[in-house]
Amino acid sequence: MKSLHSHDNYAQFNQYIFIMGISLIQYNLCRYKLI
């Protein structure tokens, strides 16, 4: 089992956060347009 501090897991985590951030921004933009 890899440690949480391995580079691969960190990169994967960053990618996940990045995708979540983009999704939230797009969601907020859609809501803003609907108002």
PDB file of N, CA and C in Angstrom:
ATOM      1  N   MET A   1       0.841  -1.202   0.000  1.00  0.00           N
ATOM      2  CA  MET A   1       0.000   0.000   0.000  1.00  0.00           C
ATOM      3  C   MET A   1       0.877   1.254   0.000  1.00  0.00           C
ATOM      4  N   LYS A   2       0.582   2.154  -0.901  1.00  0.00           N
ATOM      5  CA  LYS A   2       1.372   3.387  -0.992  1.00  0.00           C
ATOM      6  C   LYS A   2       1.052   4.337   0.153  1.00  0.00           C
ATOM      7  N   SER A   3       2.008   5.166   0.492  1.00  0.00           N
ATOM      8  CA  SER A   3       1.761   6.179   1.522  1.00  0.00           C
ATOM      9  C   SER A   3       1.019   7.351   0.894  1.00  0.00           C
ATOM     10  N   LEU A   4       0.322   8.121   1.729  1.00  0.00           N
ATOM     11  CA  LEU A   4      -0.446   9.266   1.224  1.00  0.00           C
ATOM     12  C   LEU A   4       0.453  10.359   0.671  1.00  0.00           C
ATOM     13  N   HIS A   5       1.748  10.305   1.043  1.00  0.00           N
ATOM     14  CA  HIS A   5       2.647  11.363   0.626  1.00  0.00           C
ATOM     15  C   HIS A   5       3.332  11.052  -0.704  1.00  0.00           C
ATOM     16  N   SER A   6       2.956   9.948  -1.342  1.00  0.00           N
ATOM     17  CA  SER A   6       3.566   9.628  -2.627  1.00  0.00           C
ATOM     18  C   SER A   6       3.123  10.650  -3.668  1.00  0.00           C
ATOM     19  N   HIS A   7       3.972  10.910  -4.641  1.00  0.00           N
ATOM     20  CA  HIS A   7       3.689  11.938  -5.648  1.00  0.00           C
ATOM     21  C   HIS A   7       2.455  11.583  -6.470  1.00  0.00           C
ATOM     22  N   ASP A   8       2.281  10.316  -6.798  1.00  0.00           N
ATOM     23  CA  ASP A   8       1.147   9.899  -7.625  1.00  0.00           C
ATOM     24  C   ASP A   8      -0.175  10.240  -6.962  1.00  0.00           C
ATOM     25  N   ASN A   9      -0.298   9.908  -5.670  1.00  0.00           N
ATOM     26  CA  ASN A   9      -1.547  10.186  -4.969  1.00  0.00           C
ATOM     27  C   ASN A   9      -1.795  11.678  -4.856  1.00  0.00           C
ATOM     28  N   TYR A  10      -0.719  12.435  -4.642  1.00  0.00           N
ATOM     29  CA  TYR A  10      -0.848  13.887  -4.526  1.00  0.00           C
ATOM     30  C   TYR A  10      -1.326  14.495  -5.840  1.00  0.00           C
ATOM     31  N   ALA A  11      -0.769  14.029  -6.946  1.00  0.00           N
ATOM     32  CA  ALA A  11      -1.168  14.528  -8.256  1.00  0.00           C
ATOM     33  C   ALA A  11      -2.625  14.149  -8.536  1.00  0.00           C
ATOM     34  N   GLN A  12      -3.003  12.932  -8.166  1.00  0.00           N
ATOM     35  CA  GLN A  12      -4.364  12.472  -8.375  1.00  0.00           C
ATOM     36  C   GLN A  12      -5.328  13.325  -7.554  1.00  0.00           C
ATOM     37  N   PHE A  13      -4.947  13.638  -6.319  1.00  0.00           N
ATOM     38  CA  PHE A  13      -5.763  14.451  -5.433  1.00  0.00           C
ATOM     39  C   PHE A  13      -5.915  15.863  -5.998  1.00  0.00           C
ATOM     40  N   ASN A  14      -4.820  16.429  -6.483  1.00  0.00           N
ATOM     41  CA  ASN A  14      -4.870  17.769  -7.082  1.00  0.00           C
ATOM     42  C   ASN A  14      -5.788  17.790  -8.289  1.00  0.00           C
ATOM     43  N   GLN A  15      -5.723  16.742  -9.116  1.00  0.00           N
ATOM     44  CA  GLN A  15      -6.576  16.656 -10.300  1.00  0.00           C
ATOM     45  C   GLN A  15      -8.035  16.601  -9.886  1.00  0.00           C
ATOM     46  N   TYR A  16      -8.333  15.847  -8.824  1.00  0.00           N
ATOM     47  CA  TYR A  16      -9.697  15.723  -8.320  1.00  0.00           C
ATOM     48  C   TYR A  16     -10.207  17.080  -7.838  1.00  0.00           C
ATOM     49  N   ILE A  17      -9.394  17.793  -7.084  1.00  0.00           N
ATOM     50  CA  ILE A  17      -9.769  19.114  -6.577  1.00  0.00           C
ATOM     51  C   ILE A  17      -9.985  20.080  -7.744  1.00  0.00           C
ATOM     52  N   PHE A  18      -9.103  20.013  -8.742  1.00  0.00           N
ATOM     53  CA  PHE A  18      -9.203  20.883  -9.910  1.00  0.00           C
ATOM     54  C   PHE A  18     -10.520  20.648 -10.646  1.00  0.00           C
ATOM     55  N   ILE A  19     -10.852  19.372 -10.876  1.00  0.00           N
ATOM     56  CA  ILE A  19     -12.095  19.033 -11.583  1.00  0.00           C
ATOM     57  C   ILE A  19     -13.313  19.492 -10.776  1.00  0.00           C
ATOM     58  N   MET A  20     -13.259  19.290  -9.456  1.00  0.00           N
ATOM     59  CA  MET A  20     -14.369  19.725  -8.603  1.00  0.00           C
ATOM     60  C   MET A  20     -14.527  21.240  -8.683  1.00  0.00           C
ATOM     61  N   GLY A  21     -13.408  21.957  -8.675  1.00  0.00           N
ATOM     62  CA  GLY A  21     -13.444  23.414  -8.750  1.00  0.00           C
ATOM     63  C   GLY A  21     -14.060  23.888 -10.062  1.00  0.00           C
ATOM     64  N   ILE A  22     -13.660  23.289 -11.167  1.00  0.00           N
ATOM     65  CA  ILE A  22     -14.211  23.648 -12.472  1.00  0.00           C
ATOM     66  C   ILE A  22     -15.716  23.386 -12.496  1.00  0.00           C
ATOM     67  N   SER A  23     -16.117  22.238 -11.946  1.00  0.00           N
ATOM     68  CA  SER A  23     -17.542  21.890 -11.921  1.00  0.00           C
ATOM     69  C   SER A  23     -18.339  22.912 -11.117  1.00  0.00           C
ATOM     70  N   LEU A  24     -17.801  23.319  -9.967  1.00  0.00           N
ATOM     71  CA  LEU A  24     -18.493  24.303  -9.135  1.00  0.00           C
ATOM     72  C   LEU A  24     -18.600  25.644  -9.856  1.00  0.00           C
ATOM     73  N   ILE A  25     -17.540  26.056 -10.533  1.00  0.00           N
ATOM     74  CA  ILE A  25     -17.557  27.322 -11.263  1.00  0.00           C
ATOM     75  C   ILE A  25     -18.611  27.272 -12.369  1.00  0.00           C
ATOM     76  N   GLN A  26     -18.636  26.184 -13.131  1.00  0.00           N
ATOM     77  CA  GLN A  26     -19.614  26.054 -14.206  1.00  0.00           C
ATOM     78  C   GLN A  26     -21.026  26.047 -13.647  1.00  0.00           C
ATOM     79  N   TYR A  27     -21.229  25.358 -12.516  1.00  0.00           N
ATOM     80  CA  TYR A  27     -22.536  25.293 -11.874  1.00  0.00           C
ATOM     81  C   TYR A  27     -22.980  26.687 -11.443  1.00  0.00           C
ATOM     82  N   ASN A  28     -22.081  27.447 -10.845  1.00  0.00           N
ATOM     83  CA  ASN A  28     -22.413  28.797 -10.399  1.00  0.00           C
ATOM     84  C   ASN A  28     -22.692  29.716 -11.580  1.00  0.00           C
ATOM     85  N   LEU A  29     -21.942  29.571 -12.674  1.00  0.00           N
ATOM     86  CA  LEU A  29     -22.180  30.393 -13.854  1.00  0.00           C
ATOM     87  C   LEU A  29     -23.561  30.101 -14.435  1.00  0.00           C
ATOM     88  N   CYS A  30     -23.943  28.834 -14.462  1.00  0.00           N
ATOM     89  CA  CYS A  30     -25.258  28.460 -14.988  1.00  0.00           C
ATOM     90  C   CYS A  30     -26.360  29.053 -14.107  1.00  0.00           C
ATOM     91  N   ARG A  31     -26.167  28.987 -12.800  1.00  0.00           N
ATOM     92  CA  ARG A  31     -27.164  29.524 -11.875  1.00  0.00           C
ATOM     93  C   ARG A  31     -27.262  31.037 -12.043  1.00  0.00           C
ATOM     94  N   TYR A  32     -26.125  31.688 -12.222  1.00  0.00           N
ATOM     95  CA  TYR A  32     -26.097  33.139 -12.366  1.00  0.00           C
ATOM     96  C   TYR A  32     -26.855  33.563 -13.625  1.00  0.00           C
ATOM     97  N   LYS A  33     -26.685  32.796 -14.699  1.00  0.00           N
ATOM     98  CA  LYS A  33     -27.374  33.121 -15.956  1.00  0.00           C
ATOM     99  C   LYS A  33     -28.882  32.946 -15.817  1.00  0.00           C
ATOM    100  N   LEU A  34     -29.293  31.988 -14.984  1.00  0.00           N
ATOM    101  CA  LEU A  34     -30.722  31.718 -14.828  1.00  0.00           C
ATOM    102  C   LEU A  34     -31.423  32.794 -14.003  1.00  0.00           C
ATOM    103  N   ILE A  35     -30.653  33.479 -13.151  1.00  0.00           N
ATOM    104  CA  ILE A  35     -31.267  34.498 -12.290  1.00  0.00           C
ATOM    105  C   ILE A  35     -31.633  35.728 -13.116  1.00  0.00           C
TER     106      ILE A  35
END
